[in-house]
Amino acid sequence: MLGLAGLLTRRNLIFTLMCVEIMLNASGLAFVAAGARWAQPDGQVMFLFILAMAAAEVAIGLAFVLLFHRTQLALDVDAASEMRG
Protein backbone atom coordinates (compact mmCIF):
# COMPACT_ATOMS: atom_id res chain seq x y z
CA MET A 1 0.00 0.00 0.00
CA LEU A 2 2.90 2.32 0.75
CA GLY A 3 4.38 1.80 -2.72
CA LEU A 4 1.09 2.57 -4.45
CA ALA A 5 0.54 5.69 -2.35
CA GLY A 6 4.03 6.92 -3.17
CA LEU A 7 3.59 6.12 -6.85
CA LEU A 8 0.40 8.15 -7.03
CA THR A 9 1.62 11.15 -5.04
CA ARG A 10 5.27 11.63 -6.02
CA ARG A 11 6.30 13.52 -9.15
CA ASN A 12 10.02 12.67 -9.10
CA LEU A 13 11.21 9.79 -11.31
CA ILE A 14 13.66 8.48 -8.71
CA PHE A 15 10.94 8.25 -6.07
CA THR A 16 8.62 6.63 -8.61
CA LEU A 17 11.18 3.91 -9.28
CA MET A 18 11.69 3.41 -5.55
CA CYS A 19 7.93 2.98 -5.07
CA VAL A 20 7.82 0.35 -7.81
CA GLU A 21 10.67 -1.46 -6.04
CA ILE A 22 8.72 -1.36 -2.77
CA MET A 23 5.73 -2.94 -4.51
CA LEU A 24 7.90 -5.67 -6.06
CA ASN A 25 9.46 -6.46 -2.68
CA ALA A 26 6.02 -6.61 -1.07
CA SER A 27 4.81 -9.10 -3.65
CA GLY A 28 7.96 -11.17 -3.12
CA LEU A 29 7.37 -11.16 0.62
CA ALA A 30 3.80 -12.36 0.04
CA PHE A 31 5.09 -15.27 -2.07
CA VAL A 32 7.63 -16.25 0.59
CA ALA A 33 5.02 -16.05 3.34
CA ALA A 34 2.56 -18.16 1.34
CA GLY A 35 5.26 -20.71 0.60
CA ALA A 36 6.18 -20.91 4.27
CA ARG A 37 2.52 -21.28 5.23
CA TRP A 38 2.04 -24.30 2.98
CA ALA A 39 5.60 -25.62 3.48
CA GLN A 40 6.40 -25.41 -0.23
CA PRO A 41 9.55 -23.93 -1.81
CA ASP A 42 7.52 -22.36 -4.63
CA GLY A 43 7.35 -19.00 -2.86
CA GLN A 44 11.12 -18.75 -2.67
CA VAL A 45 11.49 -19.68 -6.33
CA MET A 46 9.01 -16.98 -7.30
CA PHE A 47 10.89 -14.52 -5.11
CA LEU A 48 14.07 -15.24 -7.09
CA PHE A 49 12.21 -14.44 -10.31
CA ILE A 50 10.89 -11.24 -8.75
CA LEU A 51 14.44 -10.26 -7.72
CA ALA A 52 15.68 -10.84 -11.27
CA MET A 53 12.84 -8.77 -12.67
CA ALA A 54 13.54 -6.00 -10.14
CA ALA A 55 17.21 -5.93 -11.13
CA ALA A 56 16.29 -5.60 -14.80
CA GLU A 57 13.75 -2.89 -13.96
CA VAL A 58 16.36 -0.92 -12.02
CA ALA A 59 18.88 -1.11 -14.86
CA ILE A 60 16.40 -0.01 -17.51
CA GLY A 61 14.73 2.53 -15.23
CA LEU A 62 17.96 4.23 -14.25
CA ALA A 63 19.07 4.37 -17.88
CA PHE A 64 15.76 6.04 -18.70
CA VAL A 65 16.19 8.49 -15.81
CA LEU A 66 19.69 9.44 -17.00
CA LEU A 67 18.47 9.95 -20.55
CA PHE A 68 15.48 11.94 -19.35
CA HIS A 69 17.64 14.13 -17.13
CA ARG A 70 20.07 14.73 -19.97
CA THR A 71 17.31 15.95 -22.30
CA GLN A 72 15.02 17.78 -19.84
CA LEU A 73 17.46 18.81 -17.06
CA ALA A 74 14.74 17.85 -14.57
CA LEU A 75 13.33 14.68 -13.05
CA ASP A 76 9.70 15.83 -12.93
CA VAL A 77 7.24 13.30 -14.34
CA ASP A 78 5.04 16.08 -15.73
CA ALA A 79 7.93 17.19 -17.97
CA ALA A 80 7.66 13.85 -19.82
CA SER A 81 4.65 15.14 -21.75
CA GLU A 82 6.99 17.59 -23.48
CA MET A 83 9.16 14.82 -24.95
CA ARG A 84 8.89 14.25 -28.68
CA GLY A 85 10.35 11.69 -31.02
PDB file of N, CA and C in Angstrom:
ATOM      1  N   MET A   1       0.815  -1.189   0.000  1.00  0.00           N
ATOM      2  CA  MET A   1       0.000   0.000   0.000  1.00  0.00           C
ATOM      3  C   MET A   1       0.865   1.262   0.000  1.00  0.00           C
ATOM      4  N   LEU A   2       1.999   1.178   0.683  1.00  0.00           N
ATOM      5  CA  LEU A   2       2.904   2.321   0.748  1.00  0.00           C
ATOM      6  C   LEU A   2       3.491   2.632  -0.633  1.00  0.00           C
ATOM      7  N   GLY A   3       3.831   1.589  -1.384  1.00  0.00           N
ATOM      8  CA  GLY A   3       4.382   1.796  -2.718  1.00  0.00           C
ATOM      9  C   GLY A   3       3.381   2.432  -3.656  1.00  0.00           C
ATOM     10  N   LEU A   4       2.134   1.997  -3.594  1.00  0.00           N
ATOM     11  CA  LEU A   4       1.089   2.569  -4.449  1.00  0.00           C
ATOM     12  C   LEU A   4       0.815   4.016  -4.083  1.00  0.00           C
ATOM     13  N   ALA A   5       0.770   4.316  -2.790  1.00  0.00           N
ATOM     14  CA  ALA A   5       0.537   5.695  -2.353  1.00  0.00           C
ATOM     15  C   ALA A   5       1.678   6.602  -2.815  1.00  0.00           C
ATOM     16  N   GLY A   6       2.903   6.123  -2.702  1.00  0.00           N
ATOM     17  CA  GLY A   6       4.029   6.920  -3.169  1.00  0.00           C
ATOM     18  C   GLY A   6       4.039   7.091  -4.677  1.00  0.00           C
ATOM     19  N   LEU A   7       3.622   6.051  -5.385  1.00  0.00           N
ATOM     20  CA  LEU A   7       3.586   6.121  -6.849  1.00  0.00           C
ATOM     21  C   LEU A   7       2.559   7.136  -7.327  1.00  0.00           C
ATOM     22  N   LEU A   8       1.452   7.231  -6.626  1.00  0.00           N
ATOM     23  CA  LEU A   8       0.396   8.151  -7.032  1.00  0.00           C
ATOM     24  C   LEU A   8       0.652   9.590  -6.599  1.00  0.00           C
ATOM     25  N   THR A   9       1.440   9.797  -5.549  1.00  0.00           N
ATOM     26  CA  THR A   9       1.619  11.154  -5.037  1.00  0.00           C
ATOM     27  C   THR A   9       2.928  11.798  -5.458  1.00  0.00           C
ATOM     28  N   ARG A  10       3.971  11.040  -5.699  1.00  0.00           N
ATOM     29  CA  ARG A  10       5.268  11.631  -6.018  1.00  0.00           C
ATOM     30  C   ARG A  10       5.345  12.015  -7.492  1.00  0.00           C
ATOM     31  N   ARG A  11       6.093  13.054  -7.786  1.00  0.00           N
ATOM     32  CA  ARG A  11       6.295  13.517  -9.152  1.00  0.00           C
ATOM     33  C   ARG A  11       7.732  13.328  -9.615  1.00  0.00           C
ATOM     34  N   ASN A  12       8.615  12.841  -8.766  1.00  0.00           N
ATOM     35  CA  ASN A  12      10.018  12.669  -9.104  1.00  0.00           C
ATOM     36  C   ASN A  12      10.231  11.250  -9.638  1.00  0.00           C
ATOM     37  N   LEU A  13      10.997  11.113 -10.708  1.00  0.00           N
ATOM     38  CA  LEU A  13      11.206   9.794 -11.311  1.00  0.00           C
ATOM     39  C   LEU A  13      11.966   8.844 -10.390  1.00  0.00           C
ATOM     40  N   ILE A  14      12.900   9.343  -9.622  1.00  0.00           N
ATOM     41  CA  ILE A  14      13.657   8.479  -8.707  1.00  0.00           C
ATOM     42  C   ILE A  14      12.732   7.895  -7.651  1.00  0.00           C
ATOM     43  N   PHE A  15      11.875   8.739  -7.074  1.00  0.00           N
ATOM     44  CA  PHE A  15      10.935   8.251  -6.069  1.00  0.00           C
ATOM     45  C   PHE A  15       9.919   7.301  -6.679  1.00  0.00           C
ATOM     46  N   THR A  16       9.547   7.535  -7.920  1.00  0.00           N
ATOM     47  CA  THR A  16       8.617   6.633  -8.605  1.00  0.00           C
ATOM     48  C   THR A  16       9.238   5.252  -8.768  1.00  0.00           C
ATOM     49  N   LEU A  17      10.495   5.198  -9.166  1.00  0.00           N
ATOM     50  CA  LEU A  17      11.179   3.907  -9.279  1.00  0.00           C
ATOM     51  C   LEU A  17      11.325   3.221  -7.921  1.00  0.00           C
ATOM     52  N   MET A  18      11.586   3.998  -6.886  1.00  0.00           N
ATOM     53  CA  MET A  18      11.688   3.413  -5.555  1.00  0.00           C
ATOM     54  C   MET A  18      10.347   2.837  -5.100  1.00  0.00           C
ATOM     55  N   CYS A  19       9.253   3.482  -5.441  1.00  0.00           N
ATOM     56  CA  CYS A  19       7.932   2.976  -5.066  1.00  0.00           C
ATOM     57  C   CYS A  19       7.607   1.688  -5.819  1.00  0.00           C
ATOM     58  N   VAL A  20       8.019   1.592  -7.068  1.00  0.00           N
ATOM     59  CA  VAL A  20       7.820   0.349  -7.809  1.00  0.00           C
ATOM     60  C   VAL A  20       8.637  -0.774  -7.182  1.00  0.00           C
ATOM     61  N   GLU A  21       9.843  -0.466  -6.725  1.00  0.00           N
ATOM     62  CA  GLU A  21      10.669  -1.463  -6.041  1.00  0.00           C
ATOM     63  C   GLU A  21      10.020  -1.918  -4.740  1.00  0.00           C
ATOM     64  N   ILE A  22       9.411  -0.992  -4.008  1.00  0.00           N
ATOM     65  CA  ILE A  22       8.716  -1.357  -2.771  1.00  0.00           C
ATOM     66  C   ILE A  22       7.573  -2.317  -3.082  1.00  0.00           C
ATOM     67  N   MET A  23       6.847  -2.058  -4.152  1.00  0.00           N
ATOM     68  CA  MET A  23       5.732  -2.945  -4.514  1.00  0.00           C
ATOM     69  C   MET A  23       6.234  -4.319  -4.942  1.00  0.00           C
ATOM     70  N   LEU A  24       7.348  -4.374  -5.670  1.00  0.00           N
ATOM     71  CA  LEU A  24       7.905  -5.670  -6.057  1.00  0.00           C
ATOM     72  C   LEU A  24       8.383  -6.456  -4.839  1.00  0.00           C
ATOM     73  N   ASN A  25       9.006  -5.776  -3.895  1.00  0.00           N
ATOM     74  CA  ASN A  25       9.460  -6.461  -2.685  1.00  0.00           C
ATOM     75  C   ASN A  25       8.278  -6.947  -1.845  1.00  0.00           C
ATOM     76  N   ALA A  26       7.201  -6.185  -1.822  1.00  0.00           N
ATOM     77  CA  ALA A  26       6.019  -6.614  -1.066  1.00  0.00           C
ATOM     78  C   ALA A  26       5.395  -7.856  -1.690  1.00  0.00           C
ATOM     79  N   SER A  27       5.354  -7.906  -3.003  1.00  0.00           N
ATOM     80  CA  SER A  27       4.806  -9.104  -3.649  1.00  0.00           C
ATOM     81  C   SER A  27       5.724 -10.307  -3.418  1.00  0.00           C
ATOM     82  N   GLY A  28       7.022 -10.087  -3.418  1.00  0.00           N
ATOM     83  CA  GLY A  28       7.956 -11.172  -3.119  1.00  0.00           C
ATOM     84  C   GLY A  28       7.803 -11.677  -1.700  1.00  0.00           C
ATOM     85  N   LEU A  29       7.593 -10.766  -0.764  1.00  0.00           N
ATOM     86  CA  LEU A  29       7.371 -11.158   0.617  1.00  0.00           C
ATOM     87  C   LEU A  29       6.081 -11.969   0.755  1.00  0.00           C
ATOM     88  N   ALA A  30       5.055 -11.596   0.004  1.00  0.00           N
ATOM     89  CA  ALA A  30       3.803 -12.356   0.037  1.00  0.00           C
ATOM     90  C   ALA A  30       4.008 -13.775  -0.496  1.00  0.00           C
ATOM     91  N   PHE A  31       4.802 -13.934  -1.543  1.00  0.00           N
ATOM     92  CA  PHE A  31       5.091 -15.267  -2.069  1.00  0.00           C
ATOM     93  C   PHE A  31       5.862 -16.114  -1.058  1.00  0.00           C
ATOM     94  N   VAL A  32       6.848 -15.513  -0.405  1.00  0.00           N
ATOM     95  CA  VAL A  32       7.633 -16.255   0.586  1.00  0.00           C
ATOM     96  C   VAL A  32       6.757 -16.646   1.769  1.00  0.00           C
ATOM     97  N   ALA A  33       5.901 -15.737   2.213  1.00  0.00           N
ATOM     98  CA  ALA A  33       5.022 -16.050   3.341  1.00  0.00           C
ATOM     99  C   ALA A  33       4.026 -17.153   2.982  1.00  0.00           C
ATOM    100  N   ALA A  34       3.487 -17.112   1.765  1.00  0.00           N
ATOM    101  CA  ALA A  34       2.561 -18.160   1.340  1.00  0.00           C
ATOM    102  C   ALA A  34       3.277 -19.499   1.208  1.00  0.00           C
ATOM    103  N   GLY A  35       4.491 -19.476   0.706  1.00  0.00           N
ATOM    104  CA  GLY A  35       5.259 -20.714   0.603  1.00  0.00           C
ATOM    105  C   GLY A  35       5.598 -21.298   1.963  1.00  0.00           C
ATOM    106  N   ALA A  36       5.893 -20.434   2.917  1.00  0.00           N
ATOM    107  CA  ALA A  36       6.185 -20.912   4.267  1.00  0.00           C
ATOM    108  C   ALA A  36       4.921 -21.445   4.936  1.00  0.00           C
ATOM    109  N   ARG A  37       3.792 -20.844   4.632  1.00  0.00           N
ATOM    110  CA  ARG A  37       2.519 -21.283   5.231  1.00  0.00           C
ATOM    111  C   ARG A  37       2.159 -22.694   4.792  1.00  0.00           C
ATOM    112  N   TRP A  38       2.376 -22.991   3.513  1.00  0.00           N
ATOM    113  CA  TRP A  38       2.038 -24.304   2.985  1.00  0.00           C
ATOM    114  C   TRP A  38       3.253 -25.226   2.877  1.00  0.00           C
ATOM    115  N   ALA A  39       4.371 -24.815   3.441  1.00  0.00           N
ATOM    116  CA  ALA A  39       5.602 -25.620   3.480  1.00  0.00           C
ATOM    117  C   ALA A  39       6.036 -26.068   2.088  1.00  0.00           C
ATOM    118  N   GLN A  40       5.989 -25.142   1.148  1.00  0.00           N
ATOM    119  CA  GLN A  40       6.403 -25.406  -0.229  1.00  0.00           C
ATOM    120  C   GLN A  40       7.511 -24.416  -0.606  1.00  0.00           C
ATOM    121  N   PRO A  41       8.477 -24.848  -1.398  1.00  0.00           N
ATOM    122  CA  PRO A  41       9.552 -23.932  -1.806  1.00  0.00           C
ATOM    123  C   PRO A  41       9.169 -23.038  -2.992  1.00  0.00           C
ATOM    124  N   ASP A  42       7.934 -23.138  -3.457  1.00  0.00           N
ATOM    125  CA  ASP A  42       7.518 -22.361  -4.630  1.00  0.00           C
ATOM    126  C   ASP A  42       7.600 -20.857  -4.388  1.00  0.00           C
ATOM    127  N   GLY A  43       7.297 -20.424  -3.174  1.00  0.00           N
ATOM    128  CA  GLY A  43       7.354 -19.001  -2.864  1.00  0.00           C
ATOM    129  C   GLY A  43       8.758 -18.444  -2.982  1.00  0.00           C
ATOM    130  N   GLN A  44       9.755 -19.217  -2.560  1.00  0.00           N
ATOM    131  CA  GLN A  44      11.123 -18.748  -2.667  1.00  0.00           C
ATOM    132  C   GLN A  44      11.601 -18.728  -4.111  1.00  0.00           C
ATOM    133  N   VAL A  45      11.134 -19.674  -4.907  1.00  0.00           N
ATOM    134  CA  VAL A  45      11.487 -19.684  -6.329  1.00  0.00           C
ATOM    135  C   VAL A  45      10.893 -18.466  -7.025  1.00  0.00           C
ATOM    136  N   MET A  46       9.634 -18.160  -6.707  1.00  0.00           N
ATOM    137  CA  MET A  46       9.007 -16.979  -7.305  1.00  0.00           C
ATOM    138  C   MET A  46       9.706 -15.703  -6.849  1.00  0.00           C
ATOM    139  N   PHE A  47      10.173 -15.692  -5.602  1.00  0.00           N
ATOM    140  CA  PHE A  47      10.894 -14.523  -5.113  1.00  0.00           C
ATOM    141  C   PHE A  47      12.191 -14.311  -5.890  1.00  0.00           C
ATOM    142  N   LEU A  48      12.855 -15.380  -6.271  1.00  0.00           N
ATOM    143  CA  LEU A  48      14.066 -15.243  -7.094  1.00  0.00           C
ATOM    144  C   LEU A  48      13.748 -14.643  -8.453  1.00  0.00           C
ATOM    145  N   PHE A  49      12.618 -15.043  -9.039  1.00  0.00           N
ATOM    146  CA  PHE A  49      12.205 -14.444 -10.310  1.00  0.00           C
ATOM    147  C   PHE A  49      11.861 -12.968 -10.127  1.00  0.00           C
ATOM    148  N   ILE A  50      11.231 -12.635  -9.010  1.00  0.00           N
ATOM    149  CA  ILE A  50      10.894 -11.239  -8.745  1.00  0.00           C
ATOM    150  C   ILE A  50      12.162 -10.417  -8.555  1.00  0.00           C
ATOM    151  N   LEU A  51      13.167 -10.975  -7.884  1.00  0.00           N
ATOM    152  CA  LEU A  51      14.441 -10.263  -7.722  1.00  0.00           C
ATOM    153  C   LEU A  51      15.124 -10.024  -9.063  1.00  0.00           C
ATOM    154  N   ALA A  52      15.076 -11.014  -9.941  1.00  0.00           N
ATOM    155  CA  ALA A  52      15.680 -10.844 -11.267  1.00  0.00           C
ATOM    156  C   ALA A  52      14.939  -9.775 -12.059  1.00  0.00           C
ATOM    157  N   MET A  53      13.624  -9.779 -11.963  1.00  0.00           N
ATOM    158  CA  MET A  53      12.840  -8.770 -12.669  1.00  0.00           C
ATOM    159  C   MET A  53      13.099  -7.381 -12.086  1.00  0.00           C
ATOM    160  N   ALA A  54      13.258  -7.292 -10.775  1.00  0.00           N
ATOM    161  CA  ALA A  54      13.543  -6.000 -10.139  1.00  0.00           C
ATOM    162  C   ALA A  54      14.910  -5.470 -10.564  1.00  0.00           C
ATOM    163  N   ALA A  55      15.884  -6.360 -10.691  1.00  0.00           N
ATOM    164  CA  ALA A  55      17.214  -5.929 -11.129  1.00  0.00           C
ATOM    165  C   ALA A  55      17.170  -5.399 -12.562  1.00  0.00           C
ATOM    166  N   ALA A  56      16.431  -6.077 -13.424  1.00  0.00           N
ATOM    167  CA  ALA A  56      16.294  -5.602 -14.801  1.00  0.00           C
ATOM    168  C   ALA A  56      15.539  -4.276 -14.844  1.00  0.00           C
ATOM    169  N   GLU A  57      14.523  -4.140 -13.995  1.00  0.00           N
ATOM    170  CA  GLU A  57      13.754  -2.895 -13.957  1.00  0.00           C
ATOM    171  C   GLU A  57      14.611  -1.734 -13.480  1.00  0.00           C
ATOM    172  N   VAL A  58      15.479  -1.981 -12.520  1.00  0.00           N
ATOM    173  CA  VAL A  58      16.356  -0.919 -12.024  1.00  0.00           C
ATOM    174  C   VAL A  58      17.339  -0.495 -13.104  1.00  0.00           C
ATOM    175  N   ALA A  59      17.912  -1.450 -13.806  1.00  0.00           N
ATOM    176  CA  ALA A  59      18.881  -1.115 -14.858  1.00  0.00           C
ATOM    177  C   ALA A  59      18.235  -0.295 -15.968  1.00  0.00           C
ATOM    178  N   ILE A  60      17.086  -0.729 -16.432  1.00  0.00           N
ATOM    179  CA  ILE A  60      16.397  -0.013 -17.509  1.00  0.00           C
ATOM    180  C   ILE A  60      15.845   1.312 -17.005  1.00  0.00           C
ATOM    181  N   GLY A  61      15.298   1.303 -15.787  1.00  0.00           N
ATOM    182  CA  GLY A  61      14.732   2.527 -15.228  1.00  0.00           C
ATOM    183  C   GLY A  61      15.772   3.599 -15.002  1.00  0.00           C
ATOM    184  N   LEU A  62      16.923   3.231 -14.473  1.00  0.00           N
ATOM    185  CA  LEU A  62      17.961   4.233 -14.252  1.00  0.00           C
ATOM    186  C   LEU A  62      18.551   4.745 -15.562  1.00  0.00           C
ATOM    187  N   ALA A  63      18.628   3.890 -16.565  1.00  0.00           N
ATOM    188  CA  ALA A  63      19.067   4.368 -17.883  1.00  0.00           C
ATOM    189  C   ALA A  63      18.072   5.373 -18.443  1.00  0.00           C
ATOM    190  N   PHE A  64      16.790   5.100 -18.247  1.00  0.00           N
ATOM    191  CA  PHE A  64      15.763   6.044 -18.698  1.00  0.00           C
ATOM    192  C   PHE A  64      15.844   7.353 -17.917  1.00  0.00           C
ATOM    193  N   VAL A  65      16.079   7.272 -16.622  1.00  0.00           N
ATOM    194  CA  VAL A  65      16.194   8.488 -15.807  1.00  0.00           C
ATOM    195  C   VAL A  65      17.384   9.323 -16.252  1.00  0.00           C
ATOM    196  N   LEU A  66      18.512   8.688 -16.523  1.00  0.00           N
ATOM    197  CA  LEU A  66      19.692   9.437 -16.996  1.00  0.00           C
ATOM    198  C   LEU A  66      19.433  10.087 -18.347  1.00  0.00           C
ATOM    199  N   LEU A  67      18.798   9.382 -19.249  1.00  0.00           N
ATOM    200  CA  LEU A  67      18.469   9.953 -20.554  1.00  0.00           C
ATOM    201  C   LEU A  67      17.478  11.088 -20.416  1.00  0.00           C
ATOM    202  N   PHE A  68      16.486  10.900 -19.572  1.00  0.00           N
ATOM    203  CA  PHE A  68      15.475  11.938 -19.352  1.00  0.00           C
ATOM    204  C   PHE A  68      16.097  13.181 -18.727  1.00  0.00           C
ATOM    205  N   HIS A  69      16.997  12.986 -17.766  1.00  0.00           N
ATOM    206  CA  HIS A  69      17.643  14.128 -17.127  1.00  0.00           C
ATOM    207  C   HIS A  69      18.563  14.857 -18.100  1.00  0.00           C
ATOM    208  N   ARG A  70      19.179  14.115 -18.991  1.00  0.00           N
ATOM    209  CA  ARG A  70      20.068  14.734 -19.966  1.00  0.00           C
ATOM    210  C   ARG A  70      19.290  15.606 -20.956  1.00  0.00           C
ATOM    211  N   THR A  71      18.079  15.177 -21.320  1.00  0.00           N
ATOM    212  CA  THR A  71      17.308  15.953 -22.295  1.00  0.00           C
ATOM    213  C   THR A  71      16.469  17.052 -21.658  1.00  0.00           C
ATOM    214  N   GLN A  72      15.923  16.822 -20.463  1.00  0.00           N
ATOM    215  CA  GLN A  72      15.019  17.779 -19.837  1.00  0.00           C
ATOM    216  C   GLN A  72      15.656  18.600 -18.729  1.00  0.00           C
ATOM    217  N   LEU A  73      16.788  18.175 -18.196  1.00  0.00           N
ATOM    218  CA  LEU A  73      17.455  18.814 -17.061  1.00  0.00           C
ATOM    219  C   LEU A  73      16.549  18.895 -15.839  1.00  0.00           C
ATOM    220  N   ALA A  74      15.634  17.945 -15.738  1.00  0.00           N
ATOM    221  CA  ALA A  74      14.744  17.849 -14.573  1.00  0.00           C
ATOM    222  C   ALA A  74      14.318  16.394 -14.437  1.00  0.00           C
ATOM    223  N   LEU A  75      13.822  16.034 -13.267  1.00  0.00           N
ATOM    224  CA  LEU A  75      13.329  14.678 -13.052  1.00  0.00           C
ATOM    225  C   LEU A  75      11.835  14.676 -12.752  1.00  0.00           C
ATOM    226  N   ASP A  76      11.138  15.716 -13.165  1.00  0.00           N
ATOM    227  CA  ASP A  76       9.704  15.829 -12.931  1.00  0.00           C
ATOM    228  C   ASP A  76       8.939  14.979 -13.949  1.00  0.00           C
ATOM    229  N   VAL A  77       8.007  14.182 -13.456  1.00  0.00           N
ATOM    230  CA  VAL A  77       7.237  13.301 -14.335  1.00  0.00           C
ATOM    231  C   VAL A  77       6.373  14.103 -15.295  1.00  0.00           C
ATOM    232  N   ASP A  78       5.893  15.256 -14.866  1.00  0.00           N
ATOM    233  CA  ASP A  78       5.039  16.076 -15.730  1.00  0.00           C
ATOM    234  C   ASP A  78       5.811  16.627 -16.930  1.00  0.00           C
ATOM    235  N   ALA A  79       7.129  16.700 -16.844  1.00  0.00           N
ATOM    236  CA  ALA A  79       7.931  17.189 -17.970  1.00  0.00           C
ATOM    237  C   ALA A  79       8.018  16.130 -19.079  1.00  0.00           C
ATOM    238  N   ALA A  80       7.614  14.907 -18.808  1.00  0.00           N
ATOM    239  CA  ALA A  80       7.664  13.852 -19.823  1.00  0.00           C
ATOM    240  C   ALA A  80       6.670  14.103 -20.944  1.00  0.00           C
ATOM    241  N   SER A  81       5.616  14.865 -20.679  1.00  0.00           N
ATOM    242  CA  SER A  81       4.647  15.137 -21.748  1.00  0.00           C
ATOM    243  C   SER A  81       5.226  16.061 -22.816  1.00  0.00           C
ATOM    244  N   GLU A  82       6.343  16.720 -22.508  1.00  0.00           N
ATOM    245  CA  GLU A  82       6.991  17.592 -23.480  1.00  0.00           C
ATOM    246  C   GLU A  82       7.949  16.873 -24.398  1.00  0.00           C
ATOM    247  N   MET A  83       8.219  15.580 -24.132  1.00  0.00           N
ATOM    248  CA  MET A  83       9.160  14.822 -24.951  1.00  0.00           C
ATOM    249  C   MET A  83       8.530  14.494 -26.305  1.00  0.00           C
ATOM    250  N   ARG A  84       9.328  14.580 -27.331  1.00  0.00           N
ATOM    251  CA  ARG A  84       8.890  14.252 -28.681  1.00  0.00           C
ATOM    252  C   ARG A  84       9.896  13.327 -29.318  1.00  0.00           C
ATOM    253  N   GLY A  85       9.438  12.514 -30.259  1.00  0.00           N
ATOM    254  CA  GLY A  85      10.353  11.688 -31.023  1.00  0.00           C
ATOM    255  C   GLY A  85      10.402  10.339 -30.520  1.00  0.00           C
TER     256      GLY A  85
END
